[in-house]
Amino acid sequence: MEIEQSIDINAPAETLFTWLTDPERAKQWMDSVEETTFNPPFDPNRPIGAVFKQRVKEMGRSVEYAGTITGFEPSRRYVTKLEHHRFTLVVDWGLVALPHGTRLSYKANLLSSDAMVDKLSKAFGWYARKTAESQMKKLKNILEQGVVR
């Protein structure tokens, strides 16, 4: 199952990319993310292949994912693979510079390894689309209102 969303944000791609890749900033617009910790050694300038754990609040409980950065092109693209024992989620963020800002695209691909996830994928797809839309709107609001920390 694939989910796609996009939004235009009145901010430079460089700024937007920082908000995608900085775990502390990501927590400000991704309400569900509780913590992201990278396994050492981690070089933020050369992160492809970096492994991390991400704890996320889902339906009232904390769930931990094993993550890997699989794509990193500053100000253009950021790709992560999040693994759970029931599925893998590949998230691909794309950025395209516009005359007055940046188009941010989100593409998520759910790869199921469980029959239960297959059965629930329609409901999960609806939830994932709504979550992505909400997060992207929040990021847009933060950057356009100048609440940059």
Protein backbone atom coordinates (compact mmCIF):
# COMPACT_ATOMS: atom_id res chain seq x y z
CA MET A 1 0.00 0.00 0.00
CA GLU A 2 1.29 3.44 -0.94
CA ILE A 3 0.28 6.80 0.53
CA GLU A 4 1.12 10.14 -1.07
CA GLN A 5 0.67 13.72 0.12
CA SER A 6 2.19 17.06 -0.85
CA ILE A 7 2.06 20.63 0.38
CA ASP A 8 3.65 23.93 -0.63
CA ILE A 9 5.47 25.69 2.20
CA ASN A 10 6.73 29.27 2.08
CA ALA A 11 10.22 28.41 3.33
CA PRO A 12 13.52 27.59 1.65
CA ALA A 13 14.28 23.91 0.99
CA GLU A 14 17.38 24.13 3.22
CA THR A 15 15.30 25.18 6.22
CA LEU A 16 12.62 22.61 5.54
CA PHE A 17 15.20 19.83 5.16
CA THR A 18 16.60 20.64 8.61
CA TRP A 19 13.13 20.22 10.10
CA LEU A 20 12.80 16.81 8.42
CA THR A 21 16.16 15.46 9.52
CA ASP A 22 16.61 16.89 13.05
CA PRO A 23 14.92 14.51 15.54
CA GLU A 24 14.34 17.25 18.12
CA ARG A 25 12.68 19.55 15.60
CA ALA A 26 10.66 16.66 14.16
CA LYS A 27 9.05 16.13 17.57
CA GLN A 28 7.59 19.65 17.31
CA TRP A 29 5.51 18.84 14.23
CA MET A 30 5.17 15.05 14.47
CA ASP A 31 3.03 14.77 17.59
CA SER A 32 3.33 11.00 17.74
CA VAL A 33 7.16 10.90 17.86
CA GLU A 34 8.38 10.60 21.44
CA GLU A 35 12.08 9.90 20.89
CA THR A 36 14.61 9.09 18.19
CA THR A 37 18.04 7.74 19.16
CA PHE A 38 20.84 6.91 16.75
CA ASN A 39 23.26 4.05 17.24
CA PRO A 40 26.85 5.28 17.45
CA PRO A 41 28.82 6.13 15.52
CA PHE A 42 26.46 8.56 13.80
CA ASP A 43 27.69 11.22 11.37
CA PRO A 44 24.84 13.63 10.54
CA ASN A 45 26.74 14.79 7.44
CA ARG A 46 26.95 11.22 6.06
CA PRO A 47 23.89 9.50 7.46
CA ILE A 48 23.04 6.91 4.81
CA GLY A 49 23.00 3.52 6.52
CA ALA A 50 22.64 5.04 9.99
CA VAL A 51 20.54 2.92 12.31
CA PHE A 52 18.16 4.38 14.87
CA LYS A 53 15.30 3.52 17.21
CA GLN A 54 12.16 5.61 17.12
CA ARG A 55 9.54 5.48 19.84
CA VAL A 56 6.10 6.59 18.65
CA LYS A 57 2.78 7.02 20.46
CA GLU A 58 0.13 5.03 18.60
CA MET A 59 -3.42 4.63 19.85
CA GLY A 60 -2.46 5.47 23.42
CA ARG A 61 0.65 3.32 23.72
CA SER A 62 4.34 3.59 22.88
CA VAL A 63 5.63 1.50 19.98
CA GLU A 64 9.30 1.21 19.03
CA TYR A 65 10.53 0.96 15.47
CA ALA A 66 13.96 0.04 14.18
CA GLY A 67 14.94 2.58 11.56
CA THR A 68 17.57 3.04 8.88
CA ILE A 69 18.31 6.12 6.78
CA THR A 70 18.33 4.90 3.19
CA GLY A 71 18.33 8.17 1.25
CA PHE A 72 19.88 11.57 1.99
CA GLU A 73 20.22 14.37 -0.54
CA PRO A 74 20.44 17.71 1.32
CA SER A 75 17.52 20.00 0.51
CA ARG A 76 16.12 17.44 -1.97
CA ARG A 77 15.31 14.05 -0.47
CA TYR A 78 15.25 12.15 2.83
CA VAL A 79 14.26 8.47 3.02
CA THR A 80 13.90 6.25 6.06
CA LYS A 81 12.89 2.63 6.53
CA LEU A 82 11.00 1.85 9.75
CA GLU A 83 10.64 -1.79 10.75
CA HIS A 84 8.13 -3.38 13.06
CA HIS A 85 7.75 -7.13 13.55
CA ARG A 86 4.50 -7.00 11.50
CA PHE A 87 5.48 -4.61 8.70
CA THR A 88 8.04 -2.29 7.15
CA LEU A 89 7.27 1.32 6.33
CA VAL A 90 9.45 3.19 3.84
CA VAL A 91 8.98 6.97 4.07
CA ASP A 92 10.31 9.14 1.25
CA TRP A 93 10.30 12.93 1.70
CA GLY A 94 10.94 14.92 -1.47
CA LEU A 95 11.59 18.66 -1.73
CA VAL A 96 11.32 20.80 -4.86
CA ALA A 97 12.26 24.47 -4.79
CA LEU A 98 9.53 26.83 -5.96
CA PRO A 99 9.80 30.57 -6.72
CA HIS A 100 8.37 31.37 -3.27
CA GLY A 101 9.10 28.33 -1.15
CA THR A 102 9.27 24.58 -1.40
CA ARG A 103 6.93 21.77 -2.39
CA LEU A 104 7.20 19.01 0.19
CA SER A 105 6.09 15.55 -0.95
CA TYR A 106 5.51 12.57 1.30
CA LYS A 107 5.37 9.05 0.00
CA ALA A 108 4.97 6.10 2.34
CA ASN A 109 5.00 2.49 1.26
CA LEU A 110 3.72 -0.14 3.68
CA LEU A 111 5.20 -3.59 3.16
CA SER A 112 3.26 -6.12 5.18
CA SER A 113 4.67 -9.33 6.57
CA ASP A 114 1.52 -10.26 8.43
CA ALA A 115 -1.98 -11.34 7.32
CA MET A 116 -3.57 -9.18 10.03
CA VAL A 117 -1.83 -6.07 8.70
CA ASP A 118 -3.04 -6.97 5.20
CA LYS A 119 -6.63 -7.11 6.47
CA LEU A 120 -6.31 -3.80 8.30
CA SER A 121 -4.38 -1.98 5.56
CA LYS A 122 -7.40 -0.01 4.33
CA ALA A 123 -8.05 1.43 7.80
CA PHE A 124 -4.33 1.95 8.33
CA GLY A 125 -4.13 3.79 5.00
CA TRP A 126 -6.87 6.19 6.04
CA TYR A 127 -5.18 6.81 9.39
CA ALA A 128 -1.75 7.27 7.79
CA ARG A 129 -3.10 9.76 5.21
CA LYS A 130 -4.80 11.82 7.91
CA THR A 131 -1.69 11.75 10.09
CA ALA A 132 0.60 12.81 7.22
CA GLU A 133 -1.76 15.61 6.23
CA SER A 134 -1.97 16.89 9.81
CA GLN A 135 1.80 16.73 10.34
CA MET A 136 2.56 18.54 7.08
CA LYS A 137 0.06 21.30 7.90
CA LYS A 138 1.63 21.71 11.34
CA LEU A 139 5.12 21.94 9.81
CA LYS A 140 3.85 24.51 7.31
CA ASN A 141 2.32 26.56 10.12
CA ILE A 142 5.51 26.45 12.21
CA LEU A 143 7.72 27.56 9.32
CA GLU A 144 5.39 30.18 7.86
CA GLN A 145 4.51 31.74 11.21
CA GLY A 146 8.20 32.12 12.07
CA VAL A 147 8.07 29.90 15.12
CA VAL A 148 11.44 28.47 14.14
CA ARG A 149 13.56 27.27 17.07
